[in-house]
Amino acid sequence: MIRKHLLFFGRVQGVGFRFYAVNKARQLGLTGWVENLEDGSVEMEAQGEEEQIDALIQYLNSQRYISIERIRVRKMPLEEERGFYEKGY
């Protein structure tokens, strides 16, 4: 099990990114959160098996209106948490 902090850049706001992320992450059994940032990027922390996190990213990138141009990733310490949710507005 791992935890990753991800910043997504591209056409990632106003396209259902958070909605898709929350639903798919829950389906994959991941924990964490997703949030829009003021600069137009989306921030996420996802915890689970690396293959499941990769599957979430691939799923998001395959959605019709989402266009991920770049992802900044760093590994983080595991956290005790339940569920996957949307932060912010």
PDB file of N, CA and C in Angstrom:
ATOM      1  N   MET A   1       0.847  -1.176   0.000  1.00  0.00           N
ATOM      2  CA  MET A   1       0.000   0.000   0.000  1.00  0.00           C
ATOM      3  C   MET A   1       0.895   1.242   0.000  1.00  0.00           C
ATOM      4  N   ILE A   2       0.488   2.247  -0.787  1.00  0.00           N
ATOM      5  CA  ILE A   2       1.239   3.501  -0.889  1.00  0.00           C
ATOM      6  C   ILE A   2       0.269   4.676  -0.836  1.00  0.00           C
ATOM      7  N   ARG A   3       0.819   5.866  -0.652  1.00  0.00           N
ATOM      8  CA  ARG A   3       0.045   7.103  -0.718  1.00  0.00           C
ATOM      9  C   ARG A   3       0.796   8.059  -1.637  1.00  0.00           C
ATOM     10  N   LYS A   4       0.052   8.677  -2.556  1.00  0.00           N
ATOM     11  CA  LYS A   4       0.659   9.632  -3.485  1.00  0.00           C
ATOM     12  C   LYS A   4      -0.067  10.967  -3.418  1.00  0.00           C
ATOM     13  N   HIS A   5       0.722  12.027  -3.497  1.00  0.00           N
ATOM     14  CA  HIS A   5       0.193  13.373  -3.664  1.00  0.00           C
ATOM     15  C   HIS A   5       0.357  13.700  -5.142  1.00  0.00           C
ATOM     16  N   LEU A   6      -0.746  14.100  -5.794  1.00  0.00           N
ATOM     17  CA  LEU A   6      -0.724  14.346  -7.237  1.00  0.00           C
ATOM     18  C   LEU A   6      -1.267  15.734  -7.543  1.00  0.00           C
ATOM     19  N   LEU A   7      -0.613  16.430  -8.444  1.00  0.00           N
ATOM     20  CA  LEU A   7      -1.114  17.689  -8.987  1.00  0.00           C
ATOM     21  C   LEU A   7      -1.331  17.486 -10.476  1.00  0.00           C
ATOM     22  N   PHE A   8      -2.557  17.721 -10.922  1.00  0.00           N
ATOM     23  CA  PHE A   8      -2.923  17.530 -12.330  1.00  0.00           C
ATOM     24  C   PHE A   8      -3.025  18.892 -13.009  1.00  0.00           C
ATOM     25  N   PHE A   9      -2.401  19.012 -14.170  1.00  0.00           N
ATOM     26  CA  PHE A   9      -2.436  20.238 -14.959  1.00  0.00           C
ATOM     27  C   PHE A   9      -3.026  19.931 -16.324  1.00  0.00           C
ATOM     28  N   GLY A  10      -3.683  20.895 -16.917  1.00  0.00           N
ATOM     29  CA  GLY A  10      -4.321  20.740 -18.216  1.00  0.00           C
ATOM     30  C   GLY A  10      -5.762  21.195 -18.130  1.00  0.00           C
ATOM     31  N   ARG A  11      -6.636  20.569 -18.912  1.00  0.00           N
ATOM     32  CA  ARG A  11      -8.076  20.878 -18.834  1.00  0.00           C
ATOM     33  C   ARG A  11      -8.660  19.923 -17.792  1.00  0.00           C
ATOM     34  N   VAL A  12      -8.579  20.366 -16.522  1.00  0.00           N
ATOM     35  CA  VAL A  12      -8.954  19.498 -15.414  1.00  0.00           C
ATOM     36  C   VAL A  12     -10.005  20.127 -14.486  1.00  0.00           C
ATOM     37  N   GLN A  13     -10.419  21.353 -14.765  1.00  0.00           N
ATOM     38  CA  GLN A  13     -11.498  21.972 -13.988  1.00  0.00           C
ATOM     39  C   GLN A  13     -12.661  22.271 -14.912  1.00  0.00           C
ATOM     40  N   GLY A  14     -13.865  22.140 -14.355  1.00  0.00           N
ATOM     41  CA  GLY A  14     -15.066  22.397 -15.149  1.00  0.00           C
ATOM     42  C   GLY A  14     -15.401  21.282 -16.122  1.00  0.00           C
ATOM     43  N   VAL A  15     -14.813  20.102 -15.917  1.00  0.00           N
ATOM     44  CA  VAL A  15     -15.014  18.975 -16.836  1.00  0.00           C
ATOM     45  C   VAL A  15     -15.433  17.697 -16.109  1.00  0.00           C
ATOM     46  N   GLY A  16     -15.819  17.810 -14.839  1.00  0.00           N
ATOM     47  CA  GLY A  16     -16.252  16.647 -14.077  1.00  0.00           C
ATOM     48  C   GLY A  16     -15.125  15.863 -13.433  1.00  0.00           C
ATOM     49  N   PHE A  17     -13.926  16.420 -13.408  1.00  0.00           N
ATOM     50  CA  PHE A  17     -12.753  15.702 -12.902  1.00  0.00           C
ATOM     51  C   PHE A  17     -12.980  15.179 -11.484  1.00  0.00           C
ATOM     52  N   ARG A  18     -13.408  16.055 -10.568  1.00  0.00           N
ATOM     53  CA  ARG A  18     -13.589  15.629  -9.174  1.00  0.00           C
ATOM     54  C   ARG A  18     -14.692  14.585  -9.050  1.00  0.00           C
ATOM     55  N   PHE A  19     -15.778  14.766  -9.768  1.00  0.00           N
ATOM     56  CA  PHE A  19     -16.880  13.800  -9.750  1.00  0.00           C
ATOM     57  C   PHE A  19     -16.397  12.424 -10.182  1.00  0.00           C
ATOM     58  N   TYR A  20     -15.719  12.383 -11.324  1.00  0.00           N
ATOM     59  CA  TYR A  20     -15.195  11.111 -11.827  1.00  0.00           C
ATOM     60  C   TYR A  20     -14.165  10.522 -10.867  1.00  0.00           C
ATOM     61  N   ALA A  21     -13.299  11.380 -10.318  1.00  0.00           N
ATOM     62  CA  ALA A  21     -12.242  10.905  -9.419  1.00  0.00           C
ATOM     63  C   ALA A  21     -12.825  10.260  -8.168  1.00  0.00           C
ATOM     64  N   VAL A  22     -13.794  10.913  -7.548  1.00  0.00           N
ATOM     65  CA  VAL A  22     -14.387  10.379  -6.321  1.00  0.00           C
ATOM     66  C   VAL A  22     -15.077   9.048  -6.596  1.00  0.00           C
ATOM     67  N   ASN A  23     -15.886   8.997  -7.631  1.00  0.00           N
ATOM     68  CA  ASN A  23     -16.623   7.766  -7.921  1.00  0.00           C
ATOM     69  C   ASN A  23     -15.703   6.600  -8.274  1.00  0.00           C
ATOM     70  N   LYS A  24     -14.709   6.849  -9.112  1.00  0.00           N
ATOM     71  CA  LYS A  24     -13.808   5.771  -9.520  1.00  0.00           C
ATOM     72  C   LYS A  24     -12.903   5.348  -8.367  1.00  0.00           C
ATOM     73  N   ALA A  25     -12.407   6.306  -7.591  1.00  0.00           N
ATOM     74  CA  ALA A  25     -11.546   5.975  -6.454  1.00  0.00           C
ATOM     75  C   ALA A  25     -12.285   5.094  -5.457  1.00  0.00           C
ATOM     76  N   ARG A  26     -13.535   5.420  -5.197  1.00  0.00           N
ATOM     77  CA  ARG A  26     -14.341   4.598  -4.283  1.00  0.00           C
ATOM     78  C   ARG A  26     -14.535   3.199  -4.859  1.00  0.00           C
ATOM     79  N   GLN A  27     -14.794   3.126  -6.160  1.00  0.00           N
ATOM     80  CA  GLN A  27     -14.973   1.832  -6.825  1.00  0.00           C
ATOM     81  C   GLN A  27     -13.702   0.983  -6.726  1.00  0.00           C
ATOM     82  N   LEU A  28     -12.542   1.642  -6.798  1.00  0.00           N
ATOM     83  CA  LEU A  28     -11.259   0.945  -6.740  1.00  0.00           C
ATOM     84  C   LEU A  28     -10.807   0.660  -5.310  1.00  0.00           C
ATOM     85  N   GLY A  29     -11.543   1.167  -4.326  1.00  0.00           N
ATOM     86  CA  GLY A  29     -11.191   0.933  -2.936  1.00  0.00           C
ATOM     87  C   GLY A  29     -10.084   1.832  -2.410  1.00  0.00           C
ATOM     88  N   LEU A  30      -9.866   2.975  -3.067  1.00  0.00           N
ATOM     89  CA  LEU A  30      -8.843   3.914  -2.627  1.00  0.00           C
ATOM     90  C   LEU A  30      -9.388   4.825  -1.540  1.00  0.00           C
ATOM     91  N   THR A  31      -8.488   5.389  -0.746  1.00  0.00           N
ATOM     92  CA  THR A  31      -8.854   6.447   0.190  1.00  0.00           C
ATOM     93  C   THR A  31      -8.103   7.702  -0.202  1.00  0.00           C
ATOM     94  N   GLY A  32      -8.594   8.856   0.294  1.00  0.00           N
ATOM     95  CA  GLY A  32      -7.935  10.117   0.002  1.00  0.00           C
ATOM     96  C   GLY A  32      -8.924  11.204  -0.309  1.00  0.00           C
ATOM     97  N   TRP A  33      -8.480  12.172  -1.106  1.00  0.00           N
ATOM     98  CA  TRP A  33      -9.319  13.321  -1.424  1.00  0.00           C
ATOM     99  C   TRP A  33      -8.861  13.974  -2.726  1.00  0.00           C
ATOM    100  N   VAL A  34      -9.719  14.853  -3.246  1.00  0.00           N
ATOM    101  CA  VAL A  34      -9.432  15.605  -4.468  1.00  0.00           C
ATOM    102  C   VAL A  34      -9.985  17.015  -4.292  1.00  0.00           C
ATOM    103  N   GLU A  35      -9.284  18.020  -4.846  1.00  0.00           N
ATOM    104  CA  GLU A  35      -9.692  19.415  -4.655  1.00  0.00           C
ATOM    105  C   GLU A  35      -9.212  20.280  -5.825  1.00  0.00           C
ATOM    106  N   ASN A  36     -10.067  21.197  -6.270  1.00  0.00           N
ATOM    107  CA  ASN A  36      -9.662  22.195  -7.259  1.00  0.00           C
ATOM    108  C   ASN A  36      -8.790  23.246  -6.585  1.00  0.00           C
ATOM    109  N   LEU A  37      -7.774  23.715  -7.301  1.00  0.00           N
ATOM    110  CA  LEU A  37      -6.928  24.803  -6.809  1.00  0.00           C
ATOM    111  C   LEU A  37      -7.204  26.063  -7.608  1.00  0.00           C
ATOM    112  N   GLU A  38      -6.889  27.185  -7.017  1.00  0.00           N
ATOM    113  CA  GLU A  38      -7.183  28.480  -7.652  1.00  0.00           C
ATOM    114  C   GLU A  38      -6.440  28.692  -8.959  1.00  0.00           C
ATOM    115  N   ASP A  39      -5.305  28.029  -9.152  1.00  0.00           N
ATOM    116  CA  ASP A  39      -4.520  28.220 -10.384  1.00  0.00           C
ATOM    117  C   ASP A  39      -5.032  27.397 -11.560  1.00  0.00           C
ATOM    118  N   GLY A  40      -6.152  26.664 -11.365  1.00  0.00           N
ATOM    119  CA  GLY A  40      -6.722  25.864 -12.448  1.00  0.00           C
ATOM    120  C   GLY A  40      -6.296  24.406 -12.439  1.00  0.00           C
ATOM    121  N   SER A  41      -5.404  24.050 -11.531  1.00  0.00           N
ATOM    122  CA  SER A  41      -4.984  22.656 -11.417  1.00  0.00           C
ATOM    123  C   SER A  41      -5.872  21.934 -10.414  1.00  0.00           C
ATOM    124  N   VAL A  42      -5.689  20.624 -10.310  1.00  0.00           N
ATOM    125  CA  VAL A  42      -6.424  19.814  -9.344  1.00  0.00           C
ATOM    126  C   VAL A  42      -5.408  19.056  -8.501  1.00  0.00           C
ATOM    127  N   GLU A  43      -5.610  19.092  -7.192  1.00  0.00           N
ATOM    128  CA  GLU A  43      -4.744  18.404  -6.241  1.00  0.00           C
ATOM    129  C   GLU A  43      -5.454  17.159  -5.723  1.00  0.00           C
ATOM    130  N   MET A  44      -4.691  16.107  -5.526  1.00  0.00           N
ATOM    131  CA  MET A  44      -5.264  14.852  -5.039  1.00  0.00           C
ATOM    132  C   MET A  44      -4.255  14.135  -4.158  1.00  0.00           C
ATOM    133  N   GLU A  45      -4.759  13.470  -3.132  1.00  0.00           N
ATOM    134  CA  GLU A  45      -3.989  12.479  -2.406  1.00  0.00           C
ATOM    135  C   GLU A  45      -4.759  11.181  -2.514  1.00  0.00           C
ATOM    136  N   ALA A  46      -4.078  10.135  -2.923  1.00  0.00           N
ATOM    137  CA  ALA A  46      -4.714   8.830  -3.104  1.00  0.00           C
ATOM    138  C   ALA A  46      -3.868   7.777  -2.416  1.00  0.00           C
ATOM    139  N   GLN A  47      -4.546   6.888  -1.689  1.00  0.00           N
ATOM    140  CA  GLN A  47      -3.869   5.834  -0.953  1.00  0.00           C
ATOM    141  C   GLN A  47      -4.493   4.484  -1.289  1.00  0.00           C
ATOM    142  N   GLY A  48      -3.630   3.526  -1.552  1.00  0.00           N
ATOM    143  CA  GLY A  48      -4.075   2.187  -1.892  1.00  0.00           C
ATOM    144  C   GLY A  48      -2.948   1.462  -2.615  1.00  0.00           C
ATOM    145  N   GLU A  49      -3.306   0.440  -3.358  1.00  0.00           N
ATOM    146  CA  GLU A  49      -2.310  -0.275  -4.147  1.00  0.00           C
ATOM    147  C   GLU A  49      -1.906   0.594  -5.347  1.00  0.00           C
ATOM    148  N   GLU A  50      -0.636   0.558  -5.688  1.00  0.00           N
ATOM    149  CA  GLU A  50      -0.128   1.387  -6.787  1.00  0.00           C
ATOM    150  C   GLU A  50      -0.891   1.127  -8.085  1.00  0.00           C
ATOM    151  N   GLU A  51      -1.231  -0.132  -8.343  1.00  0.00           N
ATOM    152  CA  GLU A  51      -1.963  -0.467  -9.574  1.00  0.00           C
ATOM    153  C   GLU A  51      -3.337   0.213  -9.593  1.00  0.00           C
ATOM    154  N   GLN A  52      -3.974   0.329  -8.434  1.00  0.00           N
ATOM    155  CA  GLN A  52      -5.286   0.965  -8.360  1.00  0.00           C
ATOM    156  C   GLN A  52      -5.173   2.475  -8.591  1.00  0.00           C
ATOM    157  N   ILE A  53      -4.136   3.080  -8.044  1.00  0.00           N
ATOM    158  CA  ILE A  53      -3.911   4.520  -8.266  1.00  0.00           C
ATOM    159  C   ILE A  53      -3.635   4.768  -9.745  1.00  0.00           C
ATOM    160  N   ASP A  54      -2.816   3.917 -10.352  1.00  0.00           N
ATOM    161  CA  ASP A  54      -2.540   4.043 -11.789  1.00  0.00           C
ATOM    162  C   ASP A  54      -3.823   3.871 -12.608  1.00  0.00           C
ATOM    163  N   ALA A  55      -4.670   2.934 -12.191  1.00  0.00           N
ATOM    164  CA  ALA A  55      -5.944   2.714 -12.895  1.00  0.00           C
ATOM    165  C   ALA A  55      -6.837   3.946 -12.784  1.00  0.00           C
ATOM    166  N   LEU A  56      -6.824   4.609 -11.636  1.00  0.00           N
ATOM    167  CA  LEU A  56      -7.606   5.846 -11.468  1.00  0.00           C
ATOM    168  C   LEU A  56      -7.114   6.924 -12.428  1.00  0.00           C
ATOM    169  N   ILE A  57      -5.815   7.096 -12.515  1.00  0.00           N
ATOM    170  CA  ILE A  57      -5.243   8.121 -13.407  1.00  0.00           C
ATOM    171  C   ILE A  57      -5.584   7.805 -14.860  1.00  0.00           C
ATOM    172  N   GLN A  58      -5.453   6.554 -15.258  1.00  0.00           N
ATOM    173  CA  GLN A  58      -5.790   6.171 -16.635  1.00  0.00           C
ATOM    174  C   GLN A  58      -7.265   6.416 -16.927  1.00  0.00           C
ATOM    175  N   TYR A  59      -8.109   6.087 -15.971  1.00  0.00           N
ATOM    176  CA  TYR A  59      -9.551   6.311 -16.135  1.00  0.00           C
ATOM    177  C   TYR A  59      -9.848   7.800 -16.320  1.00  0.00           C
ATOM    178  N   LEU A  60      -9.263   8.631 -15.475  1.00  0.00           N
ATOM    179  CA  LEU A  60      -9.503  10.075 -15.575  1.00  0.00           C
ATOM    180  C   LEU A  60      -9.040  10.604 -16.932  1.00  0.00           C
ATOM    181  N   ASN A  61      -7.883  10.153 -17.370  1.00  0.00           N
ATOM    182  CA  ASN A  61      -7.329  10.632 -18.639  1.00  0.00           C
ATOM    183  C   ASN A  61      -8.130  10.147 -19.843  1.00  0.00           C
ATOM    184  N   SER A  62      -8.946   9.106 -19.658  1.00  0.00           N
ATOM    185  CA  SER A  62      -9.735   8.578 -20.776  1.00  0.00           C
ATOM    186  C   SER A  62     -11.110   9.251 -20.890  1.00  0.00           C
ATOM    187  N   GLN A  63     -11.456  10.097 -19.932  1.00  0.00           N
ATOM    188  CA  GLN A  63     -12.766  10.756 -19.981  1.00  0.00           C
ATOM    189  C   GLN A  63     -12.801  11.807 -21.084  1.00  0.00           C
ATOM    190  N   ARG A  64     -13.947  11.969 -21.668  1.00  0.00           N
ATOM    191  CA  ARG A  64     -14.115  12.761 -22.883  1.00  0.00           C
ATOM    192  C   ARG A  64     -13.587  14.195 -22.797  1.00  0.00           C
ATOM    193  N   TYR A  65     -13.907  14.921 -21.737  1.00  0.00           N
ATOM    194  CA  TYR A  65     -13.559  16.346 -21.686  1.00  0.00           C
ATOM    195  C   TYR A  65     -12.315  16.640 -20.862  1.00  0.00           C
ATOM    196  N   ILE A  66     -11.816  15.660 -20.155  1.00  0.00           N
ATOM    197  CA  ILE A  66     -10.614  15.845 -19.342  1.00  0.00           C
ATOM    198  C   ILE A  66      -9.385  15.686 -20.231  1.00  0.00           C
ATOM    199  N   SER A  67      -8.436  16.607 -20.078  1.00  0.00           N
ATOM    200  CA  SER A  67      -7.183  16.517 -20.821  1.00  0.00           C
ATOM    201  C   SER A  67      -6.037  16.802 -19.852  1.00  0.00           C
ATOM    202  N   ILE A  68      -5.415  15.735 -19.354  1.00  0.00           N
ATOM    203  CA  ILE A  68      -4.301  15.876 -18.421  1.00  0.00           C
ATOM    204  C   ILE A  68      -3.029  16.079 -19.239  1.00  0.00           C
ATOM    205  N   GLU A  69      -2.418  17.249 -19.073  1.00  0.00           N
ATOM    206  CA  GLU A  69      -1.190  17.555 -19.803  1.00  0.00           C
ATOM    207  C   GLU A  69       0.055  17.158 -19.020  1.00  0.00           C
ATOM    208  N   ARG A  70      -0.059  17.250 -17.687  1.00  0.00           N
ATOM    209  CA  ARG A  70       1.114  16.973 -16.857  1.00  0.00           C
ATOM    210  C   ARG A  70       0.632  16.595 -15.459  1.00  0.00           C
ATOM    211  N   ILE A  71       1.373  15.714 -14.806  1.00  0.00           N
ATOM    212  CA  ILE A  71       1.080  15.319 -13.431  1.00  0.00           C
ATOM    213  C   ILE A  71       2.374  15.413 -12.626  1.00  0.00           C
ATOM    214  N   ARG A  72       2.303  16.101 -11.510  1.00  0.00           N
ATOM    215  CA  ARG A  72       3.429  16.146 -10.573  1.00  0.00           C
ATOM    216  C   ARG A  72       3.086  15.185  -9.433  1.00  0.00           C
ATOM    217  N   VAL A  73       3.952  14.216  -9.170  1.00  0.00           N
ATOM    218  CA  VAL A  73       3.673  13.153  -8.197  1.00  0.00           C
ATOM    219  C   VAL A  73       4.783  13.074  -7.166  1.00  0.00           C
ATOM    220  N   ARG A  74       4.384  12.882  -5.918  1.00  0.00           N
ATOM    221  CA  ARG A  74       5.368  12.552  -4.882  1.00  0.00           C
ATOM    222  C   ARG A  74       4.740  11.568  -3.912  1.00  0.00           C
ATOM    223  N   LYS A  75       5.564  10.655  -3.419  1.00  0.00           N
ATOM    224  CA  LYS A  75       5.077   9.672  -2.451  1.00  0.00           C
ATOM    225  C   LYS A  75       5.011  10.325  -1.081  1.00  0.00           C
ATOM    226  N   MET A  76       4.071   9.850  -0.279  1.00  0.00           N
ATOM    227  CA  MET A  76       3.841  10.390   1.049  1.00  0.00           C
ATOM    228  C   MET A  76       3.705   9.244   2.045  1.00  0.00           C
ATOM    229  N   PRO A  77       3.820   9.557   3.340  1.00  0.00           N
ATOM    230  CA  PRO A  77       3.574   8.521   4.354  1.00  0.00           C
ATOM    231  C   PRO A  77       2.099   8.120   4.349  1.00  0.00           C
ATOM    232  N   LEU A  78       1.839   6.881   4.674  1.00  0.00           N
ATOM    233  CA  LEU A  78       0.461   6.397   4.762  1.00  0.00           C
ATOM    234  C   LEU A  78      -0.278   7.130   5.875  1.00  0.00           C
ATOM    235  N   GLU A  79      -1.587   7.273   5.707  1.00  0.00           N
ATOM    236  CA  GLU A  79      -2.439   7.900   6.713  1.00  0.00           C
ATOM    237  C   GLU A  79      -3.568   6.956   7.075  1.00  0.00           C
ATOM    238  N   GLU A  80      -4.045   7.090   8.282  1.00  0.00           N
ATOM    239  CA  GLU A  80      -5.202   6.339   8.745  1.00  0.00           C
ATOM    240  C   GLU A  80      -6.443   7.110   8.311  1.00  0.00           C
ATOM    241  N   GLU A  81      -7.209   6.570   7.387  1.00  0.00           N
ATOM    242  CA  GLU A  81      -8.403   7.274   6.915  1.00  0.00           C
ATOM    243  C   GLU A  81      -9.379   6.288   6.311  1.00  0.00           C
ATOM    244  N   ARG A  82     -10.585   6.785   6.117  1.00  0.00           N
ATOM    245  CA  ARG A  82     -11.632   5.987   5.470  1.00  0.00           C
ATOM    246  C   ARG A  82     -12.229   6.800   4.348  1.00  0.00           C
ATOM    247  N   GLY A  83     -12.450   6.149   3.233  1.00  0.00           N
ATOM    248  CA  GLY A  83     -13.177   6.780   2.138  1.00  0.00           C
ATOM    249  C   GLY A  83     -12.348   7.708   1.284  1.00  0.00           C
ATOM    250  N   PHE A  84     -12.981   8.172   0.236  1.00  0.00           N
ATOM    251  CA  PHE A  84     -12.389   9.114  -0.711  1.00  0.00           C
ATOM    252  C   PHE A  84     -13.410  10.222  -0.912  1.00  0.00           C
ATOM    253  N   TYR A  85     -13.002  11.471  -0.771  1.00  0.00           N
ATOM    254  CA  TYR A  85     -13.967  12.562  -0.793  1.00  0.00           C
ATOM    255  C   TYR A  85     -13.432  13.783  -1.526  1.00  0.00           C
ATOM    256  N   GLU A  86     -14.323  14.711  -1.762  1.00  0.00           N
ATOM    257  CA  GLU A  86     -14.004  15.969  -2.428  1.00  0.00           C
ATOM    258  C   GLU A  86     -13.825  17.049  -1.379  1.00  0.00           C
ATOM    259  N   LYS A  87     -12.726  17.773  -1.446  1.00  0.00           N
ATOM    260  CA  LYS A  87     -12.454  18.887  -0.540  1.00  0.00           C
ATOM    261  C   LYS A  87     -12.824  20.202  -1.217  1.00  0.00           C
ATOM    262  N   GLY A  88     -13.023  21.231  -0.421  1.00  0.00           N
ATOM    263  CA  GLY A  88     -13.225  22.575  -0.965  1.00  0.00           C
ATOM    264  C   GLY A  88     -14.604  22.782  -1.516  1.00  0.00           C
ATOM    265  N   TYR A  89     -14.673  23.660  -2.484  1.00  0.00           N
ATOM    266  CA  TYR A  89     -15.975  24.047  -3.064  1.00  0.00           C
ATOM    267  C   TYR A  89     -16.439  23.122  -4.137  1.00  0.00           C
TER     268      TYR A  89
END
